[in-house]
Amino acid sequence: MTPHKFPTGGALIAVAFCAAVTLGVRAQSKTDEKDPLTFEVASIKPSTRPCPPCGLVRPLPGNTTYHAEAATLRSLMTIAYSVTDRQIDGGPSWINTDRFDMEAKAARPHSTDDLHVMLQHLLEERFQLKLRRENREETVWALVVNKGGSKMPVHDPADNDYPPIGGNVARDPDGGICPVMVGHNVTMDYFAFFLSRGQDRKVINRTGLPARYDINLRYMPDGVHFGGPDGGGPAISSDCSDLASALPRQLGLKLESAKGPVEFLVIEHVEKPSAN
């Protein structure tokens, strides 16, 4: 089993792993109490930010605001609907290239799941987005607890900041290096979703772990090469293993091959946002 493929190789190392309308700024108040899962104020506008860096999509502390910088509609959809981009079918090419800044604020705090639903509603409204959902039975990776139990520390449940999982490079005293995945206040559903982005199959959370956890995972993604003494690059740490070995040893988790339903989103209609 080699469940450790990253789609863009070394470009993911030492940068954040991220992955969440008008031609000006449009603000809109929501007063319909029959549909509370809408943002009170929302702005989506074409981005003029330099790229890279770009593509940040995240909730801000306080559980009221979703923020995006130079994000494509496709990347916003992956956050809103918790899917990988390979689970999105159809749509014009501009959903992969045109970039937008977004600021969307709710009237009161909401759960992360509710904020995702609110983000779905916002995208469907501003982009006239219409989707068809299809469940397809596929081979998946099941994320499960390894023998001996979880080794991840539970995060303080009072902390309302949910930053995206990020990446860094650890350097050992002898000069060896290893990529590190760092996550704070992470649910296992989100961790499975994040792992899916670097796998050849969808990762499904079957751990049964209910809390939020802190993750610090050293491993070498498939296809990433730092070189060595002969190649002139830094040497790889001796304990920098692949994902299949690192998950059980460091986090008490593992990936098992399984069958399961995978949801696909088929774009039936979408429009570029226009000025209002």
C-alpha atoms as a PDB file:
ATOM      1  CA  MET A   1       0.000   0.000   0.000  1.00  0.00           C
ATOM      2  CA  THR A   2       1.341   3.399  -0.934  1.00  0.00           C
ATOM      3  CA  PRO A   3      -1.336   5.916   0.149  1.00  0.00           C
ATOM      4  CA  HIS A   4       0.939   8.922   0.174  1.00  0.00           C
ATOM      5  CA  LYS A   5       0.745  10.758  -3.135  1.00  0.00           C
ATOM      6  CA  PHE A   6       0.776  14.552  -3.233  1.00  0.00           C
ATOM      7  CA  PRO A   7      -0.517  16.202  -6.385  1.00  0.00           C
ATOM      8  CA  THR A   8       2.035  18.972  -6.750  1.00  0.00           C
ATOM      9  CA  GLY A   9       5.192  17.484  -5.303  1.00  0.00           C
ATOM     10  CA  GLY A  10       7.696  19.753  -3.602  1.00  0.00           C
ATOM     11  CA  ALA A  11       5.618  22.866  -4.188  1.00  0.00           C
ATOM     12  CA  LEU A  12       3.564  21.931  -1.137  1.00  0.00           C
ATOM     13  CA  ILE A  13       6.555  21.807   1.206  1.00  0.00           C
ATOM     14  CA  ALA A  14       7.195  24.744   3.555  1.00  0.00           C
ATOM     15  CA  VAL A  15       3.986  26.493   2.536  1.00  0.00           C
ATOM     16  CA  ALA A  16       0.473  26.392   3.926  1.00  0.00           C
ATOM     17  CA  PHE A  17      -1.528  23.388   2.654  1.00  0.00           C
ATOM     18  CA  CYS A  18      -4.742  25.129   1.796  1.00  0.00           C
ATOM     19  CA  ALA A  19      -6.770  25.061   0.504  1.00  0.00           C
ATOM     20  CA  ALA A  20     -12.974  28.534   1.720  1.00  0.00           C
ATOM     21  CA  VAL A  21     -20.876  38.997  -6.237  1.00  0.00           C
ATOM     22  CA  THR A  22     -19.809  42.088  -7.652  1.00  0.00           C
ATOM     23  CA  LEU A  23     -17.159  43.746  -9.737  1.00  0.00           C
ATOM     24  CA  GLY A  24     -16.964  46.161  -6.839  1.00  0.00           C
ATOM     25  CA  VAL A  25     -17.842  45.351  -3.230  1.00  0.00           C
ATOM     26  CA  ARG A  26     -21.431  44.368  -2.663  1.00  0.00           C
ATOM     27  CA  ALA A  27     -22.929  44.115   0.815  1.00  0.00           C
ATOM     28  CA  GLN A  28     -26.245  42.443   1.396  1.00  0.00           C
ATOM     29  CA  SER A  29     -28.265  42.113   4.603  1.00  0.00           C
ATOM     30  CA  LYS A  30     -30.162  38.927   5.297  1.00  0.00           C
ATOM     31  CA  THR A  31     -33.376  39.234   7.308  1.00  0.00           C
ATOM     32  CA  ASP A  32     -35.273  36.077   6.369  1.00  0.00           C
ATOM     33  CA  GLU A  33     -35.615  34.183   9.662  1.00  0.00           C
ATOM     34  CA  LYS A  34     -36.955  31.157   7.789  1.00  0.00           C
ATOM     35  CA  ASP A  35     -33.442  30.559   6.410  1.00  0.00           C
ATOM     36  CA  PRO A  36     -30.974  31.432   9.174  1.00  0.00           C
ATOM     37  CA  LEU A  37     -28.081  29.693   7.401  1.00  0.00           C
ATOM     38  CA  THR A  38     -27.187  32.727   5.323  1.00  0.00           C
ATOM     39  CA  PHE A  39     -24.549  35.381   5.896  1.00  0.00           C
ATOM     40  CA  GLU A  40     -25.788  38.743   7.086  1.00  0.00           C
ATOM     41  CA  VAL A  41     -23.183  40.596   4.999  1.00  0.00           C
ATOM     42  CA  ALA A  42     -21.275  39.100   2.071  1.00  0.00           C
ATOM     43  CA  SER A  43     -18.810  40.495  -0.455  1.00  0.00           C
ATOM     44  CA  ILE A  44     -17.317  38.591  -3.399  1.00  0.00           C
ATOM     45  CA  LYS A  45     -15.219  40.504  -5.919  1.00  0.00           C
ATOM     46  CA  PRO A  46     -12.583  39.714  -8.560  1.00  0.00           C
ATOM     47  CA  SER A  47      -9.178  39.579  -6.916  1.00  0.00           C
ATOM     48  CA  THR A  48      -6.288  41.879  -7.787  1.00  0.00           C
ATOM     49  CA  ARG A  49      -3.887  40.172  -5.362  1.00  0.00           C
ATOM     50  CA  PRO A  50      -0.589  38.876  -6.750  1.00  0.00           C
ATOM     51  CA  CYS A  51      -0.538  35.148  -7.237  1.00  0.00           C
ATOM     52  CA  PRO A  52       1.278  33.261  -5.775  1.00  0.00           C
ATOM     53  CA  PRO A  53       0.621  33.337  -2.897  1.00  0.00           C
ATOM     54  CA  CYS A  54      -3.069  32.849  -3.427  1.00  0.00           C
ATOM     55  CA  GLY A  55      -6.000  30.554  -2.776  1.00  0.00           C
ATOM     56  CA  LEU A  56      -6.441  31.003   0.978  1.00  0.00           C
ATOM     57  CA  VAL A  57      -9.941  30.046   2.155  1.00  0.00           C
ATOM     58  CA  ARG A  58     -10.657  29.814   5.882  1.00  0.00           C
ATOM     59  CA  PRO A  59     -13.083  30.688   8.696  1.00  0.00           C
ATOM     60  CA  LEU A  60     -11.857  33.445  11.000  1.00  0.00           C
ATOM     61  CA  PRO A  61     -11.804  33.176  14.824  1.00  0.00           C
ATOM     62  CA  GLY A  62     -15.215  33.711  16.368  1.00  0.00           C
ATOM     63  CA  ASN A  63     -17.207  31.405  14.076  1.00  0.00           C
ATOM     64  CA  THR A  64     -18.956  34.217  12.214  1.00  0.00           C
ATOM     65  CA  THR A  65     -16.774  34.977   9.185  1.00  0.00           C
ATOM     66  CA  TYR A  66     -15.457  33.142   6.127  1.00  0.00           C
ATOM     67  CA  HIS A  67     -12.521  34.774   4.361  1.00  0.00           C
ATOM     68  CA  ALA A  68     -10.934  34.033   0.974  1.00  0.00           C
ATOM     69  CA  GLU A  69      -8.026  35.589  -0.907  1.00  0.00           C
ATOM     70  CA  ALA A  70      -7.531  35.075  -4.661  1.00  0.00           C
ATOM     71  CA  ALA A  71      -9.523  31.836  -4.612  1.00  0.00           C
ATOM     72  CA  THR A  72     -11.082  30.199  -7.654  1.00  0.00           C
ATOM     73  CA  LEU A  73     -14.720  29.145  -7.641  1.00  0.00           C
ATOM     74  CA  ARG A  74     -13.550  25.537  -7.834  1.00  0.00           C
ATOM     75  CA  SER A  75     -11.460  25.906  -4.672  1.00  0.00           C
ATOM     76  CA  LEU A  76     -14.334  27.670  -2.889  1.00  0.00           C
ATOM     77  CA  MET A  77     -16.577  24.763  -3.848  1.00  0.00           C
ATOM     78  CA  THR A  78     -14.147  22.204  -2.416  1.00  0.00           C
ATOM     79  CA  ILE A  79     -14.341  23.977   0.951  1.00  0.00           C
ATOM     80  CA  ALA A  80     -18.082  24.667   0.939  1.00  0.00           C
ATOM     81  CA  TYR A  81     -19.048  21.126  -0.057  1.00  0.00           C
ATOM     82  CA  SER A  82     -16.055  19.300   1.541  1.00  0.00           C
ATOM     83  CA  VAL A  83     -15.010  17.571  -1.669  1.00  0.00           C
ATOM     84  CA  THR A  84     -11.776  17.256  -3.607  1.00  0.00           C
ATOM     85  CA  ASP A  85     -11.573  18.934  -6.986  1.00  0.00           C
ATOM     86  CA  ARG A  86     -11.717  15.540  -8.711  1.00  0.00           C
ATOM     87  CA  GLN A  87     -15.241  15.172  -7.262  1.00  0.00           C
ATOM     88  CA  ILE A  88     -16.406  18.198  -9.275  1.00  0.00           C
ATOM     89  CA  ASP A  89     -17.534  17.482 -12.841  1.00  0.00           C
ATOM     90  CA  GLY A  90     -18.443  19.921 -15.596  1.00  0.00           C
ATOM     91  CA  GLY A  91     -18.411  23.681 -15.687  1.00  0.00           C
ATOM     92  CA  PRO A  92     -16.543  26.197 -17.896  1.00  0.00           C
ATOM     93  CA  SER A  93     -12.770  26.650 -17.699  1.00  0.00           C
ATOM     94  CA  TRP A  94     -12.995  29.997 -15.866  1.00  0.00           C
ATOM     95  CA  ILE A  95     -14.050  28.257 -12.621  1.00  0.00           C
ATOM     96  CA  ASN A  96     -10.431  27.033 -12.480  1.00  0.00           C
ATOM     97  CA  THR A  97      -8.718  30.298 -13.409  1.00  0.00           C
ATOM     98  CA  ASP A  98     -10.697  33.397 -12.361  1.00  0.00           C
ATOM     99  CA  ARG A  99      -9.873  34.390  -8.775  1.00  0.00           C
ATOM    100  CA  PHE A 100     -12.019  36.125  -6.161  1.00  0.00           C
ATOM    101  CA  ASP A 101     -11.679  37.758  -2.756  1.00  0.00           C
ATOM    102  CA  MET A 102     -14.492  37.023  -0.338  1.00  0.00           C
ATOM    103  CA  GLU A 103     -15.611  38.274   3.055  1.00  0.00           C
ATOM    104  CA  ALA A 104     -18.828  36.790   4.425  1.00  0.00           C
ATOM    105  CA  LYS A 105     -20.041  37.479   7.960  1.00  0.00           C
ATOM    106  CA  ALA A 106     -22.936  35.974   9.885  1.00  0.00           C
ATOM    107  CA  ALA A 107     -25.008  37.807  12.493  1.00  0.00           C
ATOM    108  CA  ARG A 108     -24.009  35.334  15.205  1.00  0.00           C
ATOM    109  CA  PRO A 109     -21.540  32.464  15.717  1.00  0.00           C
ATOM    110  CA  HIS A 110     -22.247  29.170  13.949  1.00  0.00           C
ATOM    111  CA  SER A 111     -20.705  25.725  13.871  1.00  0.00           C
ATOM    112  CA  THR A 112     -18.186  24.917  11.140  1.00  0.00           C
ATOM    113  CA  ASP A 113     -20.747  22.682   9.444  1.00  0.00           C
ATOM    114  CA  ASP A 114     -23.308  25.504   9.434  1.00  0.00           C
ATOM    115  CA  LEU A 115     -20.736  27.922   8.008  1.00  0.00           C
ATOM    116  CA  HIS A 116     -20.112  25.465   5.176  1.00  0.00           C
ATOM    117  CA  VAL A 117     -23.845  25.351   4.411  1.00  0.00           C
ATOM    118  CA  MET A 118     -23.937  29.155   4.459  1.00  0.00           C
ATOM    119  CA  LEU A 119     -21.001  29.229   2.048  1.00  0.00           C
ATOM    120  CA  GLN A 120     -22.872  26.826  -0.243  1.00  0.00           C
ATOM    121  CA  HIS A 121     -25.903  29.121  -0.237  1.00  0.00           C
ATOM    122  CA  LEU A 122     -23.704  32.129  -0.989  1.00  0.00           C
ATOM    123  CA  LEU A 123     -22.001  30.473  -3.968  1.00  0.00           C
ATOM    124  CA  GLU A 124     -25.323  29.229  -5.330  1.00  0.00           C
ATOM    125  CA  GLU A 125     -26.780  32.729  -5.115  1.00  0.00           C
ATOM    126  CA  ARG A 126     -23.902  34.845  -6.422  1.00  0.00           C
ATOM    127  CA  PHE A 127     -22.731  32.471  -9.163  1.00  0.00           C
ATOM    128  CA  GLN A 128     -26.207  31.138 -10.077  1.00  0.00           C
ATOM    129  CA  LEU A 129     -24.671  27.757  -9.307  1.00  0.00           C
ATOM    130  CA  LYS A 130     -26.860  24.708  -9.899  1.00  0.00           C
ATOM    131  CA  LEU A 131     -25.515  21.260  -9.043  1.00  0.00           C
ATOM    132  CA  ARG A 132     -26.570  17.670  -9.408  1.00  0.00           C
ATOM    133  CA  ARG A 133     -25.274  15.283  -6.739  1.00  0.00           C
ATOM    134  CA  GLU A 134     -24.309  11.741  -7.645  1.00  0.00           C
ATOM    135  CA  ASN A 135     -23.148   9.009  -5.264  1.00  0.00           C
ATOM    136  CA  ARG A 136     -20.798   6.520  -6.857  1.00  0.00           C
ATOM    137  CA  GLU A 137     -19.509   3.383  -5.129  1.00  0.00           C
ATOM    138  CA  GLU A 138     -15.733   3.479  -5.413  1.00  0.00           C
ATOM    139  CA  THR A 139     -12.582   2.113  -3.849  1.00  0.00           C
ATOM    140  CA  VAL A 140     -11.579   4.489  -1.052  1.00  0.00           C
ATOM    141  CA  TRP A 141      -9.090   4.792   1.782  1.00  0.00           C
ATOM    142  CA  ALA A 142     -10.738   4.334   5.182  1.00  0.00           C
ATOM    143  CA  LEU A 143      -9.040   6.327   7.941  1.00  0.00           C
ATOM    144  CA  VAL A 144      -9.225   4.153  11.074  1.00  0.00           C
ATOM    145  CA  VAL A 145      -7.643   3.986  14.535  1.00  0.00           C
ATOM    146  CA  ASN A 146      -4.635   1.685  14.696  1.00  0.00           C
ATOM    147  CA  LYS A 147      -4.150  -0.979  17.364  1.00  0.00           C
ATOM    148  CA  GLY A 148      -3.147   0.797  20.565  1.00  0.00           C
ATOM    149  CA  GLY A 149      -5.401   3.810  20.030  1.00  0.00           C
ATOM    150  CA  SER A 150      -5.013   7.431  19.000  1.00  0.00           C
ATOM    151  CA  LYS A 151      -1.791   9.263  19.874  1.00  0.00           C
ATOM    152  CA  MET A 152      -3.125  12.741  19.036  1.00  0.00           C
ATOM    153  CA  PRO A 153      -3.613  15.297  21.838  1.00  0.00           C
ATOM    154  CA  VAL A 154      -7.173  16.608  22.216  1.00  0.00           C
ATOM    155  CA  HIS A 155      -7.422  20.337  21.524  1.00  0.00           C
ATOM    156  CA  ASP A 156      -8.991  22.755  23.987  1.00  0.00           C
ATOM    157  CA  PRO A 157     -12.742  22.640  23.165  1.00  0.00           C
ATOM    158  CA  ALA A 158     -13.101  26.312  24.194  1.00  0.00           C
ATOM    159  CA  ASP A 159     -10.840  27.441  21.336  1.00  0.00           C
ATOM    160  CA  ASN A 160     -12.961  28.753  18.466  1.00  0.00           C
ATOM    161  CA  ASP A 161     -10.128  29.253  15.972  1.00  0.00           C
ATOM    162  CA  TYR A 162     -10.047  26.635  13.196  1.00  0.00           C
ATOM    163  CA  PRO A 163      -7.013  27.398  11.010  1.00  0.00           C
ATOM    164  CA  PRO A 164      -6.401  25.324   7.878  1.00  0.00           C
ATOM    165  CA  ILE A 165      -3.872  22.530   8.079  1.00  0.00           C
ATOM    166  CA  GLY A 166      -0.438  23.838   7.126  1.00  0.00           C
ATOM    167  CA  GLY A 167       2.978  22.556   6.158  1.00  0.00           C
ATOM    168  CA  ASN A 168       6.552  23.182   7.184  1.00  0.00           C
ATOM    169  CA  VAL A 169       9.970  21.561   7.001  1.00  0.00           C
ATOM    170  CA  ALA A 170      11.676  20.212  10.117  1.00  0.00           C
ATOM    171  CA  ARG A 171      15.483  20.401  10.286  1.00  0.00           C
ATOM    172  CA  ASP A 172      17.412  18.008  12.503  1.00  0.00           C
ATOM    173  CA  PRO A 173      20.671  18.947  14.274  1.00  0.00           C
ATOM    174  CA  ASP A 174      22.619  16.822  11.790  1.00  0.00           C
ATOM    175  CA  GLY A 175      21.161  18.800   8.870  1.00  0.00           C
ATOM    176  CA  GLY A 176      18.578  16.260   7.771  1.00  0.00           C
ATOM    177  CA  ILE A 177      15.141  17.561   6.828  1.00  0.00           C
ATOM    178  CA  CYS A 178      11.600  16.223   6.639  1.00  0.00           C
ATOM    179  CA  PRO A 179       8.260  17.776   5.611  1.00  0.00           C
ATOM    180  CA  VAL A 180       5.798  18.268   8.476  1.00  0.00           C
ATOM    181  CA  MET A 181       2.008  18.522   8.335  1.00  0.00           C
ATOM    182  CA  VAL A 182       0.703  20.719  11.162  1.00  0.00           C
ATOM    183  CA  GLY A 183      -2.944  20.996  12.219  1.00  0.00           C
ATOM    184  CA  HIS A 184      -4.605  22.632  15.219  1.00  0.00           C
ATOM    185  CA  ASN A 185      -8.175  22.083  16.374  1.00  0.00           C
ATOM    186  CA  VAL A 186      -8.803  19.492  13.645  1.00  0.00           C
ATOM    187  CA  THR A 187     -11.777  17.127  13.346  1.00  0.00           C
ATOM    188  CA  MET A 188     -11.187  13.709  11.845  1.00  0.00           C
ATOM    189  CA  ASP A 189     -13.667  14.524   9.055  1.00  0.00           C
ATOM    190  CA  TYR A 190     -11.512  17.507   8.076  1.00  0.00           C
ATOM    191  CA  PHE A 191      -8.306  15.489   8.404  1.00  0.00           C
ATOM    192  CA  ALA A 192      -9.723  12.787   6.120  1.00  0.00           C
ATOM    193  CA  PHE A 193     -10.847  15.451   3.638  1.00  0.00           C
ATOM    194  CA  PHE A 194      -7.387  17.035   3.718  1.00  0.00           C
ATOM    195  CA  LEU A 195      -5.637  13.700   3.174  1.00  0.00           C
ATOM    196  CA  SER A 196      -7.949  13.077   0.205  1.00  0.00           C
ATOM    197  CA  ARG A 197      -6.346  15.980  -1.622  1.00  0.00           C
ATOM    198  CA  GLY A 198      -3.061  14.104  -1.816  1.00  0.00           C
ATOM    199  CA  GLN A 199      -4.363  10.614  -2.491  1.00  0.00           C
ATOM    200  CA  ASP A 200      -5.399   8.661  -5.534  1.00  0.00           C
ATOM    201  CA  ARG A 201      -8.729   7.899  -3.784  1.00  0.00           C
ATOM    202  CA  LYS A 202     -11.093   9.667  -1.415  1.00  0.00           C
ATOM    203  CA  VAL A 203     -10.281   9.216   2.276  1.00  0.00           C
ATOM    204  CA  ILE A 204     -13.332   8.467   4.456  1.00  0.00           C
ATOM    205  CA  ASN A 205     -13.269   9.044   8.221  1.00  0.00           C
ATOM    206  CA  ARG A 206     -14.062   5.790  10.015  1.00  0.00           C
ATOM    207  CA  THR A 207     -12.094   6.520  13.186  1.00  0.00           C
ATOM    208  CA  GLY A 208     -15.115   7.179  15.411  1.00  0.00           C
ATOM    209  CA  LEU A 209     -13.047   9.882  17.174  1.00  0.00           C
ATOM    210  CA  PRO A 210     -15.447  12.692  18.167  1.00  0.00           C
ATOM    211  CA  ALA A 211     -13.166  15.487  19.414  1.00  0.00           C
ATOM    212  CA  ARG A 212     -10.836  18.024  17.796  1.00  0.00           C
ATOM    213  CA  TYR A 213      -7.156  17.199  17.810  1.00  0.00           C
ATOM    214  CA  ASP A 214      -3.696  18.669  17.251  1.00  0.00           C
ATOM    215  CA  ILE A 215      -1.713  17.000  14.474  1.00  0.00           C
ATOM    216  CA  ASN A 216       2.036  17.035  13.913  1.00  0.00           C
ATOM    217  CA  LEU A 217       2.997  14.529  11.236  1.00  0.00           C
ATOM    218  CA  ARG A 218       6.494  14.093   9.755  1.00  0.00           C
ATOM    219  CA  TYR A 219       6.543  12.188   6.489  1.00  0.00           C
ATOM    220  CA  MET A 220       7.844  12.288   2.946  1.00  0.00           C
ATOM    221  CA  PRO A 221       5.108  12.664   0.312  1.00  0.00           C
ATOM    222  CA  ASP A 222       5.488  10.486  -2.745  1.00  0.00           C
ATOM    223  CA  GLY A 223       7.249  12.251  -5.591  1.00  0.00           C
ATOM    224  CA  VAL A 224       8.964  14.893  -3.404  1.00  0.00           C
ATOM    225  CA  HIS A 225      12.759  14.962  -3.669  1.00  0.00           C
ATOM    226  CA  PHE A 226      15.133  17.168  -1.693  1.00  0.00           C
ATOM    227  CA  GLY A 227      18.301  15.631  -3.062  1.00  0.00           C
ATOM    228  CA  GLY A 228      21.235  14.476  -0.949  1.00  0.00           C
ATOM    229  CA  PRO A 229      25.013  14.784  -0.598  1.00  0.00           C
ATOM    230  CA  ASP A 230      25.660  13.702  -4.185  1.00  0.00           C
ATOM    231  CA  GLY A 231      22.886  15.836  -5.625  1.00  0.00           C
ATOM    232  CA  GLY A 232      23.869  18.968  -3.775  1.00  0.00           C
ATOM    233  CA  GLY A 233      20.579  19.246  -1.882  1.00  0.00           C
ATOM    234  CA  PRO A 234      19.827  18.682   1.822  1.00  0.00           C
ATOM    235  CA  ALA A 235      19.786  15.130   3.137  1.00  0.00           C
ATOM    236  CA  ILE A 236      16.512  13.488   4.199  1.00  0.00           C
ATOM    237  CA  SER A 237      16.121  12.687   7.898  1.00  0.00           C
ATOM    238  CA  SER A 238      16.549   9.014   8.678  1.00  0.00           C
ATOM    239  CA  ASP A 239      13.119   8.875  10.341  1.00  0.00           C
ATOM    240  CA  CYS A 240      11.323  10.642   7.477  1.00  0.00           C
ATOM    241  CA  SER A 241       9.104   7.758   6.327  1.00  0.00           C
ATOM    242  CA  ASP A 242       6.176   7.549   3.939  1.00  0.00           C
ATOM    243  CA  LEU A 243       2.595   8.275   5.014  1.00  0.00           C
ATOM    244  CA  ALA A 244       1.636   4.610   5.421  1.00  0.00           C
ATOM    245  CA  SER A 245       4.387   4.189   8.039  1.00  0.00           C
ATOM    246  CA  ALA A 246       4.115   7.611   9.677  1.00  0.00           C
ATOM    247  CA  LEU A 247       0.353   7.591  10.392  1.00  0.00           C
ATOM    248  CA  PRO A 248       0.297   4.629  12.829  1.00  0.00           C
ATOM    249  CA  ARG A 249       3.636   5.441  14.461  1.00  0.00           C
ATOM    250  CA  GLN A 250       3.009   9.148  15.056  1.00  0.00           C
ATOM    251  CA  LEU A 251      -0.799   9.564  15.224  1.00  0.00           C
ATOM    252  CA  GLY A 252      -2.118   6.080  16.002  1.00  0.00           C
ATOM    253  CA  LEU A 253      -4.105   6.017  12.743  1.00  0.00           C
ATOM    254  CA  LYS A 254      -3.872   4.080   9.495  1.00  0.00           C
ATOM    255  CA  LEU A 255      -5.403   3.910   6.031  1.00  0.00           C
ATOM    256  CA  GLU A 256      -7.162   0.753   4.896  1.00  0.00           C
ATOM    257  CA  SER A 257      -8.430  -0.024   1.418  1.00  0.00           C
ATOM    258  CA  ALA A 258     -12.228  -0.223   1.397  1.00  0.00           C
ATOM    259  CA  LYS A 259     -15.345   0.349  -0.668  1.00  0.00           C
ATOM    260  CA  GLY A 260     -17.587   3.291   0.019  1.00  0.00           C
ATOM    261  CA  PRO A 261     -19.886   5.934  -1.455  1.00  0.00           C
ATOM    262  CA  VAL A 262     -18.195   8.959  -2.989  1.00  0.00           C
ATOM    263  CA  GLU A 263     -20.301  12.034  -3.706  1.00  0.00           C
ATOM    264  CA  PHE A 264     -19.721  13.843  -6.999  1.00  0.00           C
ATOM    265  CA  LEU A 265     -20.971  17.342  -7.786  1.00  0.00           C
ATOM    266  CA  VAL A 266     -22.001  17.816 -11.415  1.00  0.00           C
ATOM    267  CA  ILE A 267     -22.231  21.468 -12.458  1.00  0.00           C
ATOM    268  CA  GLU A 268     -25.403  21.967 -14.497  1.00  0.00           C
ATOM    269  CA  HIS A 269     -25.310  25.780 -14.579  1.00  0.00           C
ATOM    270  CA  VAL A 270     -22.949  28.531 -13.429  1.00  0.00           C
ATOM    271  CA  GLU A 271     -22.511  32.193 -14.365  1.00  0.00           C
ATOM    272  CA  LYS A 272     -19.767  34.719 -13.864  1.00  0.00           C
ATOM    273  CA  PRO A 273     -20.849  37.275 -11.274  1.00  0.00           C
ATOM    274  CA  SER A 274     -21.994  40.617 -12.609  1.00  0.00           C
ATOM    275  CA  ALA A 275     -21.907  44.108 -11.144  1.00  0.00           C
ATOM    276  CA  ASN A 276     -24.829  45.251  -9.002  1.00  0.00           C
END
